[in-house]
N, C-alpha and C. Protein backbone atom coordinates (compact mmCIF):
# COMPACT_ATOMS: atom_id res chain seq x y z
N MET A 1 0.84 -1.17 0.00
CA MET A 1 0.00 0.00 0.00
C MET A 1 0.89 1.24 0.00
N THR A 2 0.60 2.17 -0.89
CA THR A 2 1.35 3.42 -0.97
C THR A 2 0.51 4.52 -0.36
N ILE A 3 1.09 5.20 0.58
CA ILE A 3 0.41 6.34 1.20
C ILE A 3 0.88 7.60 0.48
N PRO A 4 -0.05 8.40 -0.08
CA PRO A 4 0.37 9.60 -0.80
C PRO A 4 1.01 10.60 0.15
N SER A 5 1.92 11.39 -0.38
CA SER A 5 2.55 12.42 0.44
C SER A 5 2.81 13.63 -0.43
N GLY A 6 3.15 14.72 0.22
CA GLY A 6 3.47 15.95 -0.51
C GLY A 6 2.59 17.09 -0.10
N ARG A 7 3.09 18.29 -0.32
CA ARG A 7 2.36 19.49 0.08
C ARG A 7 1.17 19.78 -0.83
N SER A 8 1.08 19.12 -1.97
CA SER A 8 -0.04 19.40 -2.88
C SER A 8 -1.29 18.60 -2.52
N LEU A 9 -1.25 17.84 -1.44
CA LEU A 9 -2.42 17.08 -1.02
C LEU A 9 -3.36 17.95 -0.20
N SER A 10 -4.64 17.70 -0.38
CA SER A 10 -5.61 18.39 0.47
C SER A 10 -5.56 17.79 1.87
N HIS A 11 -6.05 18.54 2.84
CA HIS A 11 -6.15 18.00 4.21
C HIS A 11 -7.09 16.80 4.22
N THR A 12 -8.13 16.88 3.39
CA THR A 12 -9.09 15.78 3.30
C THR A 12 -8.41 14.52 2.80
N ARG A 13 -7.60 14.65 1.76
CA ARG A 13 -6.88 13.50 1.20
C ARG A 13 -5.90 12.94 2.23
N ARG A 14 -5.25 13.80 2.99
CA ARG A 14 -4.33 13.33 4.03
C ARG A 14 -5.09 12.53 5.11
N ARG A 15 -6.28 13.02 5.48
CA ARG A 15 -7.05 12.29 6.48
C ARG A 15 -7.50 10.93 5.94
N LEU A 16 -7.87 10.90 4.65
CA LEU A 16 -8.24 9.63 4.03
C LEU A 16 -7.03 8.69 3.98
N ALA A 17 -5.85 9.23 3.71
CA ALA A 17 -4.63 8.41 3.71
C ALA A 17 -4.37 7.85 5.11
N GLU A 18 -4.63 8.65 6.13
CA GLU A 18 -4.48 8.18 7.51
C GLU A 18 -5.43 7.02 7.79
N ALA A 19 -6.68 7.17 7.39
CA ALA A 19 -7.66 6.10 7.58
C ALA A 19 -7.24 4.84 6.83
N THR A 20 -6.74 5.01 5.62
CA THR A 20 -6.27 3.88 4.81
C THR A 20 -5.11 3.17 5.50
N PHE A 21 -4.21 3.93 6.08
CA PHE A 21 -3.07 3.37 6.81
C PHE A 21 -3.55 2.50 7.97
N PHE A 22 -4.45 3.03 8.80
CA PHE A 22 -4.94 2.26 9.94
C PHE A 22 -5.73 1.03 9.48
N HIS A 23 -6.50 1.18 8.41
CA HIS A 23 -7.26 0.06 7.88
C HIS A 23 -6.33 -1.07 7.43
N SER A 24 -5.27 -0.73 6.71
CA SER A 24 -4.36 -1.76 6.20
C SER A 24 -3.70 -2.52 7.35
N HIS A 25 -3.38 -1.82 8.43
CA HIS A 25 -2.77 -2.49 9.58
C HIS A 25 -3.79 -3.36 10.33
N PHE A 26 -5.03 -2.92 10.38
CA PHE A 26 -6.09 -3.73 11.00
C PHE A 26 -6.28 -5.03 10.21
N VAL A 27 -6.46 -4.91 8.90
CA VAL A 27 -6.71 -6.07 8.06
C VAL A 27 -5.53 -7.05 8.09
N ALA A 28 -4.31 -6.51 8.18
CA ALA A 28 -3.13 -7.38 8.20
C ALA A 28 -3.11 -8.30 9.43
N LEU A 29 -3.82 -7.92 10.48
CA LEU A 29 -3.84 -8.73 11.70
C LEU A 29 -4.99 -9.75 11.73
N LEU A 30 -5.86 -9.72 10.74
CA LEU A 30 -6.99 -10.65 10.70
C LEU A 30 -6.57 -11.96 10.04
N PRO A 31 -7.07 -13.08 10.56
CA PRO A 31 -6.74 -14.36 9.93
C PRO A 31 -7.44 -14.48 8.58
N THR A 32 -6.81 -15.22 7.69
CA THR A 32 -7.42 -15.45 6.38
C THR A 32 -7.54 -16.95 6.15
N PRO A 33 -8.47 -17.61 6.85
CA PRO A 33 -8.66 -19.05 6.67
C PRO A 33 -9.34 -19.31 5.33
N PRO A 34 -9.35 -20.57 4.88
CA PRO A 34 -10.12 -20.89 3.67
C PRO A 34 -11.57 -20.46 3.89
N PRO A 35 -12.29 -20.19 2.80
CA PRO A 35 -13.68 -19.72 2.95
C PRO A 35 -14.54 -20.64 3.81
N ILE A 36 -14.48 -21.95 3.57
CA ILE A 36 -15.27 -22.89 4.38
C ILE A 36 -14.30 -23.95 4.89
N ILE A 37 -14.29 -24.12 6.21
CA ILE A 37 -13.40 -25.12 6.80
C ILE A 37 -14.25 -26.15 7.53
N PRO A 38 -13.72 -27.35 7.74
CA PRO A 38 -14.50 -28.37 8.46
C PRO A 38 -14.89 -27.90 9.86
N VAL A 39 -16.04 -28.36 10.30
CA VAL A 39 -16.56 -28.00 11.63
C VAL A 39 -15.58 -28.42 12.72
N THR A 40 -14.87 -29.50 12.49
CA THR A 40 -13.96 -30.02 13.51
C THR A 40 -12.61 -29.30 13.53
N SER A 41 -12.42 -28.32 12.66
CA SER A 41 -11.15 -27.59 12.62
C SER A 41 -10.95 -26.79 13.90
N THR A 42 -9.71 -26.54 14.21
CA THR A 42 -9.37 -25.71 15.37
C THR A 42 -9.80 -24.27 15.08
N PRO A 43 -10.48 -23.63 16.00
CA PRO A 43 -10.86 -22.23 15.77
C PRO A 43 -9.61 -21.36 15.65
N PRO A 44 -9.72 -20.26 14.94
CA PRO A 44 -8.56 -19.37 14.86
C PRO A 44 -8.24 -18.81 16.25
N PRO A 45 -6.99 -18.43 16.47
CA PRO A 45 -6.64 -17.85 17.77
C PRO A 45 -7.35 -16.51 17.96
N PRO A 46 -7.46 -16.05 19.20
CA PRO A 46 -8.05 -14.73 19.42
C PRO A 46 -7.26 -13.67 18.66
N LEU A 47 -7.93 -12.62 18.28
CA LEU A 47 -7.25 -11.53 17.58
C LEU A 47 -6.27 -10.84 18.53
N PRO A 48 -5.12 -10.40 18.01
CA PRO A 48 -4.19 -9.66 18.88
C PRO A 48 -4.81 -8.34 19.32
N GLU A 49 -4.41 -7.86 20.46
CA GLU A 49 -4.92 -6.60 21.01
C GLU A 49 -4.74 -5.45 20.02
N GLU A 50 -3.65 -5.49 19.26
CA GLU A 50 -3.36 -4.42 18.31
C GLU A 50 -4.45 -4.28 17.24
N ALA A 51 -5.16 -5.37 16.93
CA ALA A 51 -6.23 -5.28 15.94
C ALA A 51 -7.29 -4.27 16.40
N GLY A 52 -7.61 -4.29 17.66
CA GLY A 52 -8.56 -3.31 18.20
C GLY A 52 -8.02 -1.90 18.16
N TYR A 53 -6.72 -1.74 18.44
CA TYR A 53 -6.12 -0.40 18.39
C TYR A 53 -6.24 0.18 16.98
N PHE A 54 -5.88 -0.63 15.98
CA PHE A 54 -5.94 -0.15 14.60
C PHE A 54 -7.38 0.07 14.15
N LEU A 55 -8.30 -0.77 14.60
CA LEU A 55 -9.70 -0.59 14.22
C LEU A 55 -10.26 0.70 14.81
N ASN A 56 -9.99 0.97 16.07
CA ASN A 56 -10.45 2.21 16.69
C ASN A 56 -9.86 3.43 15.98
N ALA A 57 -8.57 3.36 15.65
CA ALA A 57 -7.93 4.47 14.94
C ALA A 57 -8.54 4.65 13.55
N PHE A 58 -8.81 3.54 12.86
CA PHE A 58 -9.44 3.62 11.54
C PHE A 58 -10.81 4.27 11.63
N VAL A 59 -11.63 3.81 12.57
CA VAL A 59 -12.99 4.33 12.70
C VAL A 59 -12.96 5.84 12.95
N THR A 60 -12.07 6.28 13.84
CA THR A 60 -11.97 7.71 14.14
C THR A 60 -11.51 8.50 12.92
N SER A 61 -10.47 8.04 12.25
CA SER A 61 -9.96 8.74 11.07
C SER A 61 -10.99 8.75 9.94
N ALA A 62 -11.57 7.58 9.66
CA ALA A 62 -12.52 7.48 8.56
C ALA A 62 -13.74 8.36 8.80
N ARG A 63 -14.23 8.37 10.02
CA ARG A 63 -15.42 9.17 10.33
C ARG A 63 -15.14 10.65 10.18
N SER A 64 -13.88 11.08 10.37
CA SER A 64 -13.58 12.50 10.30
C SER A 64 -13.23 12.99 8.89
N VAL A 65 -13.14 12.10 7.91
CA VAL A 65 -12.79 12.51 6.55
C VAL A 65 -13.78 13.57 6.03
N LEU A 66 -15.06 13.30 6.15
CA LEU A 66 -16.05 14.26 5.63
C LEU A 66 -16.12 15.52 6.49
N LEU A 67 -15.80 15.40 7.77
CA LEU A 67 -15.76 16.60 8.63
C LEU A 67 -14.60 17.51 8.22
N VAL A 68 -13.46 16.91 7.93
CA VAL A 68 -12.31 17.69 7.45
C VAL A 68 -12.63 18.30 6.09
N MET A 69 -13.28 17.52 5.22
CA MET A 69 -13.66 18.05 3.91
C MET A 69 -14.56 19.27 4.06
N HIS A 70 -15.51 19.17 4.96
CA HIS A 70 -16.44 20.30 5.17
C HIS A 70 -15.67 21.54 5.61
N TRP A 71 -14.77 21.40 6.54
CA TRP A 71 -13.97 22.54 7.02
C TRP A 71 -13.10 23.09 5.89
N GLU A 72 -12.49 22.22 5.13
CA GLU A 72 -11.52 22.63 4.11
C GLU A 72 -12.18 23.26 2.88
N TYR A 73 -13.31 22.75 2.47
CA TYR A 73 -13.94 23.19 1.22
C TYR A 73 -15.12 24.14 1.42
N ASP A 74 -15.48 24.42 2.64
CA ASP A 74 -16.68 25.20 2.96
C ASP A 74 -16.73 26.55 2.23
N LYS A 75 -15.60 27.18 2.04
CA LYS A 75 -15.56 28.52 1.40
C LYS A 75 -15.31 28.43 -0.11
N VAL A 76 -15.14 27.25 -0.65
CA VAL A 76 -14.89 27.08 -2.08
C VAL A 76 -16.21 27.23 -2.83
N ALA A 77 -16.22 28.09 -3.85
CA ALA A 77 -17.43 28.36 -4.61
C ALA A 77 -18.04 27.08 -5.18
N GLY A 78 -19.31 26.86 -4.88
CA GLY A 78 -20.05 25.73 -5.42
C GLY A 78 -19.96 24.45 -4.59
N TRP A 79 -19.03 24.40 -3.64
CA TRP A 79 -18.86 23.15 -2.90
C TRP A 79 -20.08 22.83 -2.03
N LYS A 80 -20.59 23.84 -1.30
CA LYS A 80 -21.73 23.59 -0.40
C LYS A 80 -22.91 23.03 -1.18
N GLU A 81 -23.18 23.59 -2.35
CA GLU A 81 -24.31 23.13 -3.15
C GLU A 81 -24.06 21.70 -3.65
N TRP A 82 -22.83 21.43 -4.08
CA TRP A 82 -22.50 20.08 -4.55
C TRP A 82 -22.68 19.08 -3.41
N PHE A 83 -22.14 19.41 -2.24
CA PHE A 83 -22.19 18.47 -1.13
C PHE A 83 -23.63 18.25 -0.67
N ALA A 84 -24.42 19.33 -0.62
CA ALA A 84 -25.82 19.21 -0.20
C ALA A 84 -26.63 18.36 -1.17
N ALA A 85 -26.28 18.44 -2.46
CA ALA A 85 -27.01 17.68 -3.48
C ALA A 85 -26.50 16.25 -3.63
N LYS A 86 -25.39 15.96 -2.98
CA LYS A 86 -24.76 14.64 -3.10
C LYS A 86 -25.67 13.61 -2.43
N GLY A 87 -26.29 12.82 -3.22
CA GLY A 87 -27.18 11.79 -2.66
C GLY A 87 -26.42 10.54 -2.26
N THR A 88 -26.98 9.81 -1.34
CA THR A 88 -26.41 8.52 -0.95
C THR A 88 -27.52 7.48 -1.02
N ASN A 89 -27.12 6.27 -1.38
CA ASN A 89 -28.11 5.19 -1.44
C ASN A 89 -28.30 4.60 -0.04
N ASP A 90 -29.19 3.65 0.07
CA ASP A 90 -29.50 3.05 1.38
C ASP A 90 -28.28 2.38 2.01
N GLU A 91 -27.48 1.68 1.19
CA GLU A 91 -26.29 1.01 1.72
C GLU A 91 -25.30 2.03 2.28
N GLU A 92 -25.09 3.13 1.55
CA GLU A 92 -24.17 4.18 2.02
C GLU A 92 -24.69 4.84 3.29
N GLN A 93 -25.99 5.06 3.36
CA GLN A 93 -26.58 5.64 4.57
C GLN A 93 -26.37 4.71 5.77
N ALA A 94 -26.56 3.41 5.55
CA ALA A 94 -26.37 2.43 6.63
C ALA A 94 -24.91 2.40 7.08
N LEU A 95 -23.98 2.44 6.11
CA LEU A 95 -22.55 2.47 6.46
C LEU A 95 -22.22 3.73 7.25
N PHE A 96 -22.71 4.85 6.78
CA PHE A 96 -22.44 6.12 7.45
C PHE A 96 -22.94 6.09 8.89
N LYS A 97 -24.16 5.60 9.08
CA LYS A 97 -24.73 5.52 10.43
C LYS A 97 -23.92 4.56 11.30
N ARG A 98 -23.56 3.40 10.73
CA ARG A 98 -22.80 2.42 11.51
C ARG A 98 -21.47 2.99 11.97
N PHE A 99 -20.74 3.65 11.06
CA PHE A 99 -19.43 4.16 11.45
C PHE A 99 -19.54 5.38 12.36
N LYS A 100 -20.60 6.13 12.23
CA LYS A 100 -20.85 7.22 13.19
C LYS A 100 -21.07 6.62 14.57
N ASP A 101 -21.90 5.59 14.66
CA ASP A 101 -22.17 4.93 15.94
C ASP A 101 -20.90 4.30 16.52
N LEU A 102 -20.10 3.63 15.67
CA LEU A 102 -18.86 3.03 16.14
C LEU A 102 -17.90 4.10 16.66
N ARG A 103 -17.79 5.20 15.93
CA ARG A 103 -16.91 6.29 16.37
C ARG A 103 -17.39 6.85 17.70
N ASN A 104 -18.69 7.06 17.84
CA ASN A 104 -19.23 7.58 19.11
C ASN A 104 -18.95 6.62 20.26
N THR A 105 -19.11 5.33 20.01
CA THR A 105 -18.80 4.34 21.05
C THR A 105 -17.32 4.40 21.40
N SER A 106 -16.47 4.40 20.38
CA SER A 106 -15.02 4.38 20.58
C SER A 106 -14.53 5.62 21.33
N GLN A 107 -15.07 6.78 21.01
CA GLN A 107 -14.57 8.02 21.61
C GLN A 107 -15.27 8.41 22.90
N LYS A 108 -16.51 7.96 23.08
CA LYS A 108 -17.27 8.46 24.22
C LYS A 108 -17.61 7.41 25.27
N LYS A 109 -17.46 6.11 24.92
CA LYS A 109 -17.86 5.07 25.86
C LYS A 109 -16.75 4.09 26.19
N ARG A 110 -16.27 3.40 25.16
CA ARG A 110 -15.26 2.35 25.37
C ARG A 110 -14.62 2.01 24.03
N PRO A 111 -13.46 1.39 24.06
CA PRO A 111 -12.87 0.95 22.80
C PRO A 111 -13.76 -0.12 22.14
N ILE A 112 -13.84 -0.08 20.82
CA ILE A 112 -14.55 -1.15 20.12
C ILE A 112 -13.57 -2.32 19.97
N THR A 113 -14.09 -3.51 20.18
CA THR A 113 -13.24 -4.69 20.21
C THR A 113 -13.69 -5.70 19.17
N PRO A 114 -12.86 -5.97 18.17
CA PRO A 114 -13.23 -6.99 17.20
C PRO A 114 -13.03 -8.39 17.77
N GLU A 115 -13.85 -9.32 17.34
CA GLU A 115 -13.71 -10.71 17.78
C GLU A 115 -14.06 -11.64 16.62
N GLN A 116 -13.68 -12.90 16.77
CA GLN A 116 -13.95 -13.91 15.76
C GLN A 116 -15.19 -14.71 16.17
N VAL A 117 -16.13 -14.88 15.25
CA VAL A 117 -17.29 -15.74 15.49
C VAL A 117 -17.47 -16.65 14.29
N SER A 118 -18.07 -17.79 14.54
CA SER A 118 -18.26 -18.76 13.46
C SER A 118 -19.72 -18.80 13.02
N MET A 119 -19.90 -19.26 11.79
CA MET A 119 -21.23 -19.47 11.25
C MET A 119 -21.21 -20.79 10.49
N LEU A 120 -22.17 -21.64 10.80
CA LEU A 120 -22.27 -22.91 10.09
C LEU A 120 -22.71 -22.68 8.65
N VAL A 121 -22.20 -23.49 7.76
CA VAL A 121 -22.56 -23.43 6.35
C VAL A 121 -23.36 -24.69 6.03
N ALA A 122 -24.50 -24.50 5.41
CA ALA A 122 -25.39 -25.63 5.12
C ALA A 122 -24.88 -26.44 3.93
N ASN A 123 -25.19 -27.72 3.96
CA ASN A 123 -25.03 -28.60 2.79
C ASN A 123 -26.25 -28.42 1.92
N LEU A 124 -26.09 -28.63 0.62
CA LEU A 124 -27.25 -28.67 -0.26
C LEU A 124 -27.60 -30.13 -0.50
N VAL A 125 -28.81 -30.49 -0.12
CA VAL A 125 -29.26 -31.88 -0.20
C VAL A 125 -30.34 -31.98 -1.27
N PRO A 126 -30.20 -32.96 -2.20
CA PRO A 126 -31.27 -33.14 -3.20
C PRO A 126 -32.58 -33.53 -2.52
N VAL A 127 -33.65 -32.88 -2.93
CA VAL A 127 -34.95 -33.18 -2.36
C VAL A 127 -35.29 -34.65 -2.55
N SER A 128 -34.88 -35.21 -3.69
CA SER A 128 -35.20 -36.61 -3.97
C SER A 128 -34.58 -37.57 -2.96
N SER A 129 -33.53 -37.12 -2.25
CA SER A 129 -32.89 -38.00 -1.27
C SER A 129 -33.52 -37.89 0.12
N MET A 130 -34.47 -36.98 0.28
CA MET A 130 -35.10 -36.79 1.58
C MET A 130 -36.24 -37.80 1.74
N PRO A 131 -36.31 -38.45 2.90
CA PRO A 131 -37.40 -39.41 3.10
C PRO A 131 -38.76 -38.70 3.12
N GLY A 132 -39.70 -39.25 2.39
CA GLY A 132 -41.07 -38.73 2.40
C GLY A 132 -41.16 -37.31 1.89
N ASN A 133 -40.53 -36.97 0.79
CA ASN A 133 -40.50 -35.63 0.18
C ASN A 133 -41.45 -34.64 0.88
N PRO A 134 -40.91 -33.78 1.75
CA PRO A 134 -41.77 -32.87 2.52
C PRO A 134 -42.45 -31.80 1.66
N PHE A 135 -42.05 -31.68 0.40
CA PHE A 135 -42.63 -30.65 -0.46
C PHE A 135 -43.80 -31.17 -1.29
N GLY A 136 -44.00 -32.48 -1.27
CA GLY A 136 -45.11 -33.08 -2.02
C GLY A 136 -45.06 -32.69 -3.48
N ASP A 137 -46.18 -32.22 -3.99
CA ASP A 137 -46.27 -31.83 -5.41
C ASP A 137 -46.04 -30.34 -5.60
N GLN A 138 -45.52 -29.65 -4.61
CA GLN A 138 -45.37 -28.20 -4.71
C GLN A 138 -44.18 -27.77 -5.56
N LEU A 139 -43.24 -28.66 -5.83
CA LEU A 139 -42.09 -28.32 -6.66
C LEU A 139 -42.46 -28.40 -8.13
N PRO A 140 -42.01 -27.45 -8.93
CA PRO A 140 -42.31 -27.52 -10.37
C PRO A 140 -41.74 -28.80 -10.97
N GLN A 141 -42.45 -29.34 -11.92
CA GLN A 141 -42.00 -30.55 -12.62
C GLN A 141 -41.04 -30.14 -13.72
N GLY A 142 -40.17 -31.03 -14.10
CA GLY A 142 -39.24 -30.75 -15.19
C GLY A 142 -37.90 -31.38 -14.93
N ASP A 143 -36.99 -31.06 -15.79
CA ASP A 143 -35.63 -31.59 -15.66
C ASP A 143 -34.90 -30.88 -14.54
N GLY A 144 -33.90 -31.54 -14.04
CA GLY A 144 -33.07 -30.93 -13.00
C GLY A 144 -33.40 -31.50 -11.63
N THR A 145 -32.53 -31.18 -10.71
CA THR A 145 -32.67 -31.64 -9.33
C THR A 145 -32.88 -30.43 -8.43
N TRP A 146 -33.82 -30.54 -7.52
CA TRP A 146 -34.08 -29.48 -6.55
C TRP A 146 -33.30 -29.77 -5.28
N TYR A 147 -32.66 -28.71 -4.72
CA TYR A 147 -31.86 -28.86 -3.50
C TYR A 147 -32.43 -27.99 -2.39
N VAL A 148 -32.23 -28.43 -1.18
CA VAL A 148 -32.59 -27.63 0.00
C VAL A 148 -31.39 -27.59 0.94
N PRO A 149 -31.26 -26.52 1.71
CA PRO A 149 -30.15 -26.47 2.67
C PRO A 149 -30.40 -27.40 3.85
N SER A 150 -29.33 -28.00 4.33
CA SER A 150 -29.43 -28.88 5.50
C SER A 150 -28.20 -28.68 6.37
N TYR A 151 -28.43 -28.64 7.66
CA TYR A 151 -27.33 -28.53 8.61
C TYR A 151 -27.06 -29.88 9.30
N ASN A 152 -27.58 -30.94 8.73
CA ASN A 152 -27.41 -32.26 9.32
C ASN A 152 -26.77 -33.21 8.32
N PRO A 153 -25.47 -33.22 8.18
CA PRO A 153 -24.47 -32.39 8.87
C PRO A 153 -24.21 -31.11 8.10
N PRO A 154 -23.59 -30.11 8.73
CA PRO A 154 -23.23 -28.88 8.02
C PRO A 154 -22.06 -29.14 7.06
N ALA A 155 -21.93 -28.28 6.05
CA ALA A 155 -20.83 -28.39 5.09
C ALA A 155 -19.52 -27.96 5.73
N GLY A 156 -19.61 -27.10 6.70
CA GLY A 156 -18.42 -26.59 7.35
C GLY A 156 -18.75 -25.34 8.14
N VAL A 157 -17.74 -24.54 8.36
CA VAL A 157 -17.89 -23.33 9.15
C VAL A 157 -17.08 -22.21 8.51
N ILE A 158 -17.57 -21.00 8.64
CA ILE A 158 -16.85 -19.80 8.20
C ILE A 158 -16.64 -18.93 9.43
N TRP A 159 -15.44 -18.38 9.57
CA TRP A 159 -15.14 -17.48 10.69
C TRP A 159 -15.19 -16.05 10.21
N PHE A 160 -15.90 -15.20 10.95
CA PHE A 160 -16.03 -13.79 10.62
C PHE A 160 -15.42 -12.95 11.73
N THR A 161 -14.92 -11.79 11.36
CA THR A 161 -14.50 -10.81 12.35
C THR A 161 -15.68 -9.86 12.54
N VAL A 162 -16.12 -9.70 13.78
CA VAL A 162 -17.30 -8.90 14.06
C VAL A 162 -17.02 -7.88 15.16
N VAL A 163 -17.88 -6.87 15.17
CA VAL A 163 -17.96 -5.92 16.29
C VAL A 163 -19.44 -5.81 16.59
N ALA A 164 -19.79 -6.01 17.85
CA ALA A 164 -21.21 -5.97 18.27
C ALA A 164 -22.06 -6.90 17.42
N GLN A 165 -21.55 -8.10 17.16
CA GLN A 165 -22.25 -9.14 16.41
C GLN A 165 -22.56 -8.77 14.97
N GLN A 166 -21.84 -7.79 14.41
CA GLN A 166 -21.99 -7.43 13.00
C GLN A 166 -20.62 -7.53 12.33
N GLU A 167 -20.60 -8.10 11.13
CA GLU A 167 -19.36 -8.25 10.37
C GLU A 167 -18.68 -6.89 10.22
N ILE A 168 -17.35 -6.85 10.32
CA ILE A 168 -16.66 -5.57 10.29
C ILE A 168 -15.67 -5.43 9.13
N ARG A 169 -15.01 -6.50 8.72
CA ARG A 169 -13.96 -6.39 7.70
C ARG A 169 -14.50 -5.79 6.39
N VAL A 170 -15.54 -6.40 5.83
CA VAL A 170 -16.10 -5.93 4.57
C VAL A 170 -16.74 -4.55 4.75
N SER A 171 -17.35 -4.31 5.90
CA SER A 171 -17.94 -3.00 6.17
C SER A 171 -16.88 -1.90 6.10
N CYS A 172 -15.72 -2.16 6.68
CA CYS A 172 -14.62 -1.18 6.63
C CYS A 172 -14.19 -0.93 5.19
N GLU A 173 -14.06 -2.00 4.41
CA GLU A 173 -13.65 -1.86 3.02
C GLU A 173 -14.66 -1.05 2.22
N ARG A 174 -15.94 -1.31 2.45
CA ARG A 174 -16.99 -0.57 1.73
C ARG A 174 -17.01 0.90 2.14
N TYR A 175 -16.84 1.15 3.43
CA TYR A 175 -16.86 2.53 3.90
C TYR A 175 -15.66 3.30 3.34
N LEU A 176 -14.50 2.67 3.31
CA LEU A 176 -13.30 3.30 2.76
C LEU A 176 -13.49 3.59 1.27
N ALA A 177 -14.07 2.66 0.53
CA ALA A 177 -14.33 2.87 -0.90
C ALA A 177 -15.33 4.01 -1.11
N PHE A 178 -16.35 4.08 -0.27
CA PHE A 178 -17.33 5.17 -0.32
C PHE A 178 -16.64 6.51 -0.11
N LEU A 179 -15.78 6.61 0.90
CA LEU A 179 -15.06 7.85 1.17
C LEU A 179 -14.13 8.21 0.02
N GLU A 180 -13.45 7.23 -0.54
CA GLU A 180 -12.53 7.46 -1.67
C GLU A 180 -13.29 8.05 -2.85
N ARG A 181 -14.47 7.52 -3.14
CA ARG A 181 -15.27 8.04 -4.26
C ARG A 181 -15.64 9.50 -4.04
N ILE A 182 -16.06 9.84 -2.83
CA ILE A 182 -16.47 11.22 -2.55
C ILE A 182 -15.26 12.17 -2.60
N VAL A 183 -14.15 11.76 -1.99
CA VAL A 183 -12.96 12.61 -2.00
C VAL A 183 -12.45 12.80 -3.42
N ALA A 184 -12.39 11.73 -4.21
CA ALA A 184 -11.91 11.83 -5.59
C ALA A 184 -12.80 12.77 -6.41
N GLU A 185 -14.10 12.65 -6.25
CA GLU A 185 -15.02 13.53 -6.99
C GLU A 185 -14.86 14.97 -6.55
N CYS A 186 -14.74 15.19 -5.26
CA CYS A 186 -14.54 16.54 -4.73
C CYS A 186 -13.27 17.16 -5.30
N GLU A 187 -12.18 16.42 -5.28
CA GLU A 187 -10.91 16.95 -5.79
C GLU A 187 -10.97 17.18 -7.30
N ARG A 188 -11.66 16.30 -8.01
CA ARG A 188 -11.80 16.48 -9.46
C ARG A 188 -12.58 17.75 -9.79
N LEU A 189 -13.64 18.00 -9.01
CA LEU A 189 -14.49 19.16 -9.28
C LEU A 189 -13.93 20.47 -8.73
N PHE A 190 -13.26 20.41 -7.56
CA PHE A 190 -12.88 21.64 -6.87
C PHE A 190 -11.38 21.79 -6.62
N GLY A 191 -10.59 20.80 -7.00
CA GLY A 191 -9.14 20.89 -6.82
C GLY A 191 -8.75 20.86 -5.35
N VAL A 192 -7.55 21.41 -5.08
CA VAL A 192 -7.05 21.52 -3.71
C VAL A 192 -7.12 22.99 -3.33
N PRO A 193 -7.88 23.33 -2.29
CA PRO A 193 -7.99 24.75 -1.90
C PRO A 193 -6.61 25.33 -1.53
N GLN A 194 -6.44 26.60 -1.85
CA GLN A 194 -5.16 27.27 -1.53
C GLN A 194 -4.84 27.23 -0.06
N THR A 195 -5.87 27.25 0.79
CA THR A 195 -5.64 27.21 2.24
C THR A 195 -4.98 25.90 2.65
N SER A 196 -5.13 24.86 1.84
CA SER A 196 -4.53 23.56 2.16
C SER A 196 -3.03 23.55 1.88
N LEU A 197 -2.59 24.47 1.04
CA LEU A 197 -1.20 24.47 0.61
C LEU A 197 -0.31 25.35 1.49
N SER A 198 -0.92 26.06 2.42
CA SER A 198 -0.12 26.96 3.27
C SER A 198 0.28 26.29 4.55
């Protein structure tokens, strides 16, 4: 990962680079097991304490990117109108709310702590192999085999990194990509304010 540097960077871009730095160190501490492992496999070891440090730092930096942008670009002609008109979809709104809540928890209540949790993965079982076909005549007729999920036995297990019982790794990546898109568009439209270069 290359962190941009130089006096020609906006303060907003520098804050985004800071968030990217903390994110890369957080992700580097997460285990990367195969997607589905046998149920009898040894669980991954607990996450190192440093993973929480980097996650808290990422959440704080990432949440402040748009606040820094607002301060930096507020006096730039047309920026307020552009930012006010900038729509977000439901997924972006949910990410924004989640990271705002995580930042508030981290700064005002307690450190956020990532942990590993498992989820069973179902096997796909052909309906024809099930005793007494529970679906009767409700399945469409035709070629092919119909499958249903079964946890008896499960296909395996997947380990996720979570905070407050919600997946965190992919959420961080999506939030960082969301911020990158907004910062890139802002810089493309409005450049780097002169106040950032002093």
